[in-house]
Amino acid sequence: MRPASETELSEIVRAASGPLRIRGGGTRSLGAPSVGTVLETGGLAGISLYEPGALTLVAASGTPLAEVKAALAAENQRLPFEPMDMRALLGTEGEPTIGGMVAANASGPRRVIVGACRDSLIGVRFVDGQGRVVKNGGRVMKNVTGYDLVKLMAGSWGTLGVLSECSFKLLPVPETHATLVSDVMTPEAAVRVMSAALGTPYEVNAAARDISGRVCLRIEGFAEQITYRKTALAEALGGDWEVLDGAKSTAFWRDIRDVTAFAGQSGDVWRVSVKPSDAPALVAKISAPVQMDWGGGLIWALVPEGTDLRAQLGPIAGHATRVRGGGADIPVFQPEPAPIAALAQGLRTKFDPRGMLNPGLMG
């Protein structure tokens, strides 16, 4: 089923007699496909509002992300959170959509400074599990009372409602950027250096350790500023730093963002979110290639097929997600403590009392 309007989407959901499997571009498939009739959002497409002067954009959920990026690039603007493209890592095809990006809360290396997708999302329209059209937020950032559905829908993976429209705040594209790359460092040393770099006044907006062990730091801004800041940052941190400019810097962070080092490699891929200070001890328990992003707060690991990384790591103050591979006996998402699980189930019951939308995907 492929509705061409929000009204048609509402009618389809209301009339459905069995589970629905929500599909955007089909590029972010985690775990085993949920059961049910496929409901595609690709027919809900198009940018309905773009005000460059107000740094605001509204687009239908099925709009290809590439179309939005092209429109923003023409005005020298961008989505602040640098959304990850999972096609290479997961071996999927198709085109990422705005709705799929929001449903997955897809974010990249710049998240350490500007926040995730949900932090740039200022409004949503969606159809809940009973076929009701729900709207929350608007075209400007503001506090809300009751459910903050804008934040709630980001990262809900289509289990609370089917997105029909999303509104975003935007940022201008900086004049230039540069990346400082170190020699190989241990995880402990890397976290110390990344934390120090993010704490300097030189406005580092991405800090990662690649699978070879090199620390990578990105700065963006006006050309004159970058000339000074990259030199000052290297001096403040000490050691030897290679500098990547222009296209080389762009390509480097695209690979970090999309974890292309693990693309096409055999094995399962896990994503672990923790405090940066906890990362070195966790990495020591993973005898496999790892990539660290967000100053160490995000660990990507390529482990042998069938590995239950949660069991290997033990209890952690964070969460581990099985992004690729594994069996049905290993949950995709981190099992929640009982109070949080009860709250999550209560929300699903509120918005999807019939259990129609992507049942079983998030527990």
Protein backbone atom coordinates (compact mmCIF):
# COMPACT_ATOMS: atom_id res chain seq x y z
CA MET A 1 0.00 0.00 0.00
CA ARG A 2 1.28 3.44 -0.97
CA PRO A 3 -1.00 6.33 0.07
CA ALA A 4 -0.72 9.56 -1.91
CA SER A 5 -2.07 11.86 0.82
CA GLU A 6 -2.35 12.13 4.57
CA THR A 7 -6.10 11.55 4.30
CA GLU A 8 -5.55 8.33 2.38
CA LEU A 9 -2.91 7.26 4.90
CA SER A 10 -5.39 7.83 7.72
CA GLU A 11 -8.06 5.80 5.96
CA ILE A 12 -5.67 2.89 5.31
CA VAL A 13 -4.55 2.70 8.93
CA ARG A 14 -8.11 3.03 10.25
CA ALA A 15 -9.36 0.26 7.98
CA ALA A 16 -6.43 -2.12 8.53
CA SER A 17 -7.40 -5.46 10.05
CA GLY A 18 -3.86 -6.72 10.63
CA PRO A 19 -0.34 -5.48 11.43
CA LEU A 20 1.31 -2.89 9.20
CA ARG A 21 5.00 -2.81 8.36
CA ILE A 22 5.95 0.85 7.85
CA ARG A 23 8.48 1.49 5.09
CA GLY A 24 10.07 4.72 3.93
CA GLY A 25 12.98 4.29 1.57
CA GLY A 26 13.84 0.85 2.95
CA THR A 27 17.43 1.86 3.68
CA ARG A 28 17.44 1.54 7.49
CA SER A 29 16.22 -2.02 8.05
CA LEU A 30 17.32 -3.23 11.49
CA GLY A 31 16.82 -6.79 12.66
CA ALA A 32 14.30 -9.16 11.13
CA PRO A 33 11.52 -7.44 9.17
CA SER A 34 8.44 -6.85 11.30
CA VAL A 35 5.36 -8.79 10.32
CA GLY A 36 2.45 -7.26 8.47
CA THR A 37 1.36 -5.65 5.24
CA VAL A 38 3.91 -3.18 3.89
CA LEU A 39 2.76 0.43 4.08
CA GLU A 40 5.05 2.70 2.04
CA THR A 41 5.26 6.44 2.65
CA GLY A 42 6.97 7.29 -0.64
CA GLY A 43 3.71 8.68 -2.05
CA LEU A 44 3.78 11.43 0.60
CA ALA A 45 6.50 13.56 -0.96
CA GLY A 46 7.45 17.15 -1.55
CA ILE A 47 8.74 20.25 0.24
CA SER A 48 5.68 22.24 1.30
CA LEU A 49 7.50 25.16 2.90
CA TYR A 50 11.05 26.44 2.75
CA GLU A 51 11.91 29.85 4.20
CA PRO A 52 15.69 30.36 3.96
CA GLY A 53 15.47 33.65 5.84
CA ALA A 54 13.75 31.93 8.75
CA LEU A 55 16.00 28.85 8.55
CA THR A 56 12.90 26.64 8.41
CA LEU A 57 11.81 23.76 6.18
CA VAL A 58 8.68 21.59 6.11
CA ALA A 59 8.56 18.42 4.00
CA ALA A 60 6.31 15.38 3.60
CA SER A 61 7.68 12.22 5.19
CA GLY A 62 8.29 10.36 1.94
CA THR A 63 10.41 13.14 0.45
CA PRO A 64 13.84 11.81 -0.56
CA LEU A 65 16.53 13.19 1.73
CA ALA A 66 18.63 13.95 -1.36
CA GLU A 67 15.90 16.30 -2.63
CA VAL A 68 15.89 18.21 0.65
CA LYS A 69 19.68 18.43 0.74
CA ALA A 70 19.75 19.79 -2.82
CA ALA A 71 17.18 22.48 -1.99
CA LEU A 72 19.14 23.52 1.09
CA ALA A 73 22.48 23.50 -0.72
CA ALA A 74 21.11 25.96 -3.28
CA GLU A 75 20.65 28.42 -0.38
CA ASN A 76 23.93 27.44 1.32
CA GLN A 77 22.07 25.81 4.22
CA ARG A 78 21.93 22.32 5.73
CA LEU A 79 20.31 20.04 8.28
CA PRO A 80 22.51 20.61 11.36
CA PHE A 81 22.72 17.02 12.59
CA GLU A 82 24.49 15.40 9.60
CA PRO A 83 22.17 12.37 9.13
CA MET A 84 23.84 9.02 8.66
CA ASP A 85 23.32 7.07 5.42
CA MET A 86 23.13 3.35 6.33
CA ARG A 87 22.97 1.87 2.84
CA ALA A 88 26.62 0.85 2.57
CA LEU A 89 26.76 -0.54 6.10
CA LEU A 90 23.52 -2.54 5.80
CA GLY A 91 23.82 -3.41 2.12
CA THR A 92 20.43 -1.85 1.37
CA GLU A 93 19.25 0.06 -1.68
CA GLY A 94 16.61 2.71 -2.27
CA GLU A 95 16.62 6.36 -1.25
CA PRO A 96 16.61 7.58 2.36
CA THR A 97 13.51 9.62 3.17
CA ILE A 98 12.81 12.44 5.59
CA GLY A 99 10.37 10.30 7.57
CA GLY A 100 12.78 7.37 7.82
CA MET A 101 15.52 9.71 9.00
CA VAL A 102 13.26 11.06 11.76
CA ALA A 103 11.90 7.64 12.73
CA ALA A 104 15.48 6.43 13.23
CA ASN A 105 16.66 9.71 14.79
CA ALA A 106 19.53 9.40 12.29
CA SER A 107 22.41 11.66 13.29
CA GLY A 108 26.10 12.02 12.51
CA PRO A 109 29.38 13.25 14.02
CA ARG A 110 28.15 16.83 14.51
CA ARG A 111 25.66 15.54 17.09
CA VAL A 112 28.29 16.00 19.81
CA ILE A 113 27.79 19.79 19.45
CA VAL A 114 24.44 20.52 17.74
CA GLY A 115 22.42 17.57 19.02
CA ALA A 116 20.58 14.78 17.25
CA CYS A 117 17.86 14.84 14.60
CA ARG A 118 15.22 15.28 17.33
CA ASP A 119 16.92 18.48 18.47
CA SER A 120 16.43 20.11 15.05
CA LEU A 121 12.91 18.75 14.61
CA ILE A 122 10.35 21.45 15.45
CA GLY A 123 7.09 19.96 14.24
CA VAL A 124 5.49 16.69 13.11
CA ARG A 125 2.24 15.43 11.65
CA PHE A 126 1.49 11.72 11.86
CA VAL A 127 -1.27 9.14 11.79
CA ASP A 128 -1.55 7.05 14.94
CA GLY A 129 -2.55 3.39 15.16
CA GLN A 130 -6.26 4.25 15.16
CA GLY A 131 -6.03 6.32 11.99
CA ARG A 132 -6.21 9.69 13.76
CA VAL A 133 -4.18 12.60 12.35
CA VAL A 134 -2.05 14.15 15.09
CA LYS A 135 -0.09 17.41 14.89
CA ASN A 136 2.50 18.71 17.35
CA GLY A 137 4.93 21.60 17.21
CA GLY A 138 5.14 24.13 14.43
CA ARG A 139 7.53 26.31 12.48
CA VAL A 140 9.39 27.80 15.46
CA MET A 141 11.05 26.26 18.50
CA LYS A 142 8.92 26.51 21.64
CA ASN A 143 8.23 24.70 24.88
CA VAL A 144 5.19 22.45 25.01
CA THR A 145 3.04 20.97 27.72
CA GLY A 146 1.86 17.38 27.92
CA TYR A 147 3.49 14.95 25.48
CA ASP A 148 6.35 16.45 23.49
CA LEU A 149 5.41 14.39 20.44
CA VAL A 150 8.07 16.03 18.29
CA LYS A 151 10.81 14.51 20.44
CA LEU A 152 8.85 11.31 21.04
CA MET A 153 8.41 10.48 17.36
CA ALA A 154 12.13 10.84 16.62
CA GLY A 155 13.65 7.43 17.19
CA SER A 156 10.31 5.63 17.62
CA TRP A 157 10.86 3.58 14.44
CA GLY A 158 7.24 3.87 13.33
CA THR A 159 5.84 2.14 16.41
CA LEU A 160 3.80 5.13 17.67
CA GLY A 161 2.56 6.55 14.39
CA VAL A 162 3.20 6.90 10.68
CA LEU A 163 4.85 10.24 9.99
CA SER A 164 3.26 12.34 7.26
CA GLU A 165 5.10 15.67 7.62
CA CYS A 166 8.19 16.98 9.42
CA SER A 167 9.43 20.51 10.15
CA PHE A 168 13.05 21.42 10.83
CA LYS A 169 15.22 24.29 11.93
CA LEU A 170 18.29 24.71 9.71
CA LEU A 171 21.79 26.17 9.86
CA PRO A 172 23.97 27.96 7.28
CA VAL A 173 26.86 26.05 5.72
CA PRO A 174 30.19 27.39 7.02
CA GLU A 175 32.63 28.92 4.56
CA THR A 176 35.22 26.18 5.00
CA HIS A 177 36.38 23.39 7.29
CA ALA A 178 39.46 21.37 8.18
CA THR A 179 40.24 18.08 9.91
CA LEU A 180 43.20 17.36 12.17
CA VAL A 181 44.33 13.71 12.18
CA SER A 182 46.75 12.30 14.77
CA ASP A 183 49.02 9.31 14.89
CA VAL A 184 47.60 6.08 16.34
CA MET A 185 46.44 6.37 19.96
CA THR A 186 45.14 3.93 22.54
CA PRO A 187 41.45 4.29 23.43
CA GLU A 188 42.40 5.85 26.77
CA ALA A 189 44.67 8.44 25.16
CA ALA A 190 42.15 9.09 22.39
CA VAL A 191 39.33 9.89 24.83
CA ARG A 192 41.62 12.22 26.78
CA VAL A 193 42.63 14.07 23.63
CA MET A 194 39.10 14.23 22.21
CA SER A 195 37.71 15.51 25.51
CA ALA A 196 40.46 18.11 25.71
CA ALA A 197 39.84 19.20 22.12
CA LEU A 198 36.08 19.58 22.67
CA GLY A 199 36.86 21.68 25.73
CA THR A 200 39.07 24.18 23.91
CA PRO A 201 37.77 27.52 22.59
CA TYR A 202 38.53 26.44 19.01
CA GLU A 203 35.01 25.09 18.36
CA VAL A 204 35.70 21.48 17.48
CA ASN A 205 32.38 20.08 16.20
CA ALA A 206 33.35 16.46 15.58
CA ALA A 207 35.77 14.17 17.41
CA ALA A 208 36.31 10.53 16.50
CA ARG A 209 38.84 7.69 16.63
CA ASP A 210 38.84 5.65 13.42
CA ILE A 211 39.39 1.89 13.22
CA SER A 212 43.13 2.39 12.74
CA GLY A 213 43.33 4.23 16.07
CA ARG A 214 43.84 7.76 14.76
CA VAL A 215 42.06 10.67 16.44
CA CYS A 216 40.19 12.98 14.06
CA LEU A 217 39.00 16.48 14.95
CA ARG A 218 36.94 18.80 12.73
CA ILE A 219 36.57 22.57 12.83
CA GLU A 220 34.32 24.71 10.62
CA GLY A 221 33.95 28.44 10.04
CA PHE A 222 35.34 31.38 8.07
CA ALA A 223 38.58 30.75 6.18
CA GLU A 224 40.63 33.22 8.24
CA GLN A 225 39.38 31.66 11.46
CA ILE A 226 40.18 28.14 10.31
CA THR A 227 43.75 29.10 9.42
CA TYR A 228 44.29 30.30 12.96
CA ARG A 229 42.21 27.71 14.81
CA LYS A 230 43.75 24.61 13.25
CA THR A 231 47.24 25.81 14.18
CA ALA A 232 46.22 26.87 17.68
CA LEU A 233 44.35 23.61 18.29
CA ALA A 234 47.32 21.49 17.25
CA GLU A 235 49.62 23.50 19.52
CA ALA A 236 47.21 23.25 22.45
CA LEU A 237 46.97 19.46 22.15
CA GLY A 238 50.59 18.79 21.34
CA GLY A 239 51.89 15.97 19.16
CA ASP A 240 51.93 15.65 15.38
CA TRP A 241 48.77 16.39 13.39
CA GLU A 242 48.04 15.96 9.71
CA VAL A 243 45.60 18.51 8.30
CA LEU A 244 42.93 17.58 5.75
CA ASP A 245 41.16 20.39 3.90
CA GLY A 246 38.27 20.68 1.45
CA ALA A 247 37.15 17.53 -0.33
CA LYS A 248 39.49 15.29 1.67
CA SER A 249 38.00 16.48 4.94
CA THR A 250 34.45 16.06 3.59
CA ALA A 251 35.10 12.50 2.40
CA PHE A 252 36.82 11.59 5.66
CA TRP A 253 33.82 12.56 7.80
CA ARG A 254 31.36 10.98 5.39
CA ASP A 255 33.16 7.68 6.00
CA ILE A 256 33.12 8.21 9.77
CA ARG A 257 29.42 9.18 9.65
CA ASP A 258 28.38 6.14 7.60
CA VAL A 259 30.83 3.69 9.24
CA THR A 260 31.99 2.63 5.78
CA ALA A 261 35.00 0.83 7.28
CA PHE A 262 32.59 -1.98 8.19
CA ALA A 263 30.66 -1.94 4.91
CA GLY A 264 30.97 -5.22 3.03
CA GLN A 265 32.88 -6.82 5.91
CA SER A 266 31.61 -10.11 7.35
CA GLY A 267 30.35 -10.03 10.89
CA ASP A 268 27.70 -8.30 12.99
CA VAL A 269 27.71 -4.56 13.67
CA TRP A 270 26.77 -3.10 17.04
CA ARG A 271 26.32 0.50 18.15
CA VAL A 272 27.03 1.27 21.82
CA SER A 273 26.19 4.62 23.42
CA VAL A 274 27.89 5.41 26.73
CA LYS A 275 29.64 8.20 28.57
CA PRO A 276 32.98 8.93 26.84
CA SER A 277 34.81 8.21 30.10
CA ASP A 278 33.39 4.66 30.08
CA ALA A 279 34.44 3.94 26.50
CA PRO A 280 38.06 2.75 27.02
CA ALA A 281 37.05 0.03 29.50
CA LEU A 282 34.30 -1.19 27.17
CA VAL A 283 36.53 -1.17 24.11
CA ALA A 284 39.01 -3.33 26.08
CA LYS A 285 36.29 -6.00 26.31
CA ILE A 286 35.70 -5.99 22.55
CA SER A 287 38.38 -8.02 20.79
CA ALA A 288 37.30 -6.74 17.39
CA PRO A 289 37.58 -3.58 15.22
CA VAL A 290 35.93 -0.52 16.74
CA GLN A 291 35.26 3.07 15.71
CA MET A 292 34.61 5.74 18.34
CA ASP A 293 32.61 8.91 17.64
CA TRP A 294 31.20 11.80 19.69
CA GLY A 295 34.39 12.09 21.74
CA GLY A 296 34.10 8.41 22.68
CA GLY A 297 30.40 8.44 23.56
CA LEU A 298 29.48 6.31 20.53
CA ILE A 299 31.24 3.00 19.83
CA TRP A 300 30.74 1.05 16.60
CA ALA A 301 31.97 -2.56 16.76
CA LEU A 302 32.36 -5.24 14.08
CA VAL A 303 32.13 -8.60 15.87
CA PRO A 304 31.92 -12.25 14.73
CA GLU A 305 28.51 -13.34 13.48
CA GLY A 306 26.09 -14.32 16.22
CA THR A 307 27.95 -12.45 18.98
CA ASP A 308 25.76 -11.16 21.78
CA LEU A 309 27.77 -8.05 22.55
CA ARG A 310 25.52 -7.10 25.47
CA ALA A 311 26.39 -10.35 27.24
CA GLN A 312 30.07 -9.80 26.48
CA LEU A 313 30.07 -6.26 27.88
CA GLY A 314 27.90 -6.95 30.92
CA PRO A 315 25.85 -4.19 32.57
CA ILE A 316 26.59 -0.75 31.13
CA ALA A 317 25.43 2.78 31.86
CA GLY A 318 24.13 3.20 28.31
CA HIS A 319 22.64 1.07 25.59
CA ALA A 320 23.79 -1.31 22.86
CA THR A 321 21.90 -1.73 19.58
CA ARG A 322 22.34 -4.61 17.16
CA VAL A 323 22.47 -2.72 13.87
CA ARG A 324 23.38 -5.57 11.51
CA GLY A 325 23.32 -9.36 11.78
CA GLY A 326 22.61 -11.54 14.77
CA GLY A 327 19.71 -13.91 15.36
CA ALA A 328 16.14 -13.50 16.47
CA ASP A 329 17.17 -14.48 20.01
CA ILE A 330 19.28 -11.30 20.33
CA PRO A 331 17.03 -8.22 20.63
CA VAL A 332 17.86 -5.32 18.31
CA PHE A 333 17.39 -2.69 21.00
CA GLN A 334 18.69 -2.62 24.56
CA PRO A 335 16.17 -4.31 26.89
CA GLU A 336 14.70 -1.62 29.13
CA PRO A 337 14.48 -1.65 32.93
CA ALA A 338 10.98 -2.60 34.07
CA PRO A 339 9.79 0.96 34.93
CA ILE A 340 10.92 2.35 31.56
CA ALA A 341 9.53 -0.67 29.70
CA ALA A 342 6.18 -0.10 31.36
CA LEU A 343 6.25 3.56 30.37
CA ALA A 344 7.15 2.68 26.78
CA GLN A 345 4.37 0.10 26.61
CA GLY A 346 1.96 2.66 28.00
CA LEU A 347 2.87 5.08 25.22
CA ARG A 348 2.43 2.41 22.57
CA THR A 349 -0.95 1.51 24.04
CA LYS A 350 -1.94 5.17 24.01
CA PHE A 351 -1.03 5.79 20.37
CA ASP A 352 -1.45 2.30 18.91
CA PRO A 353 -3.89 0.37 21.13
CA ARG A 354 -4.46 -2.30 18.46
CA GLY A 355 -0.71 -3.01 18.12
CA MET A 356 -0.81 -2.38 14.36
CA LEU A 357 2.38 -0.42 13.71
CA ASN A 358 5.68 -2.31 13.30
CA PRO A 359 4.73 -4.79 16.05
CA GLY A 360 7.64 -6.39 17.87
CA LEU A 361 10.30 -4.12 16.40
CA MET A 362 11.11 -2.33 19.64
CA GLY A 363 9.94 -4.96 22.10
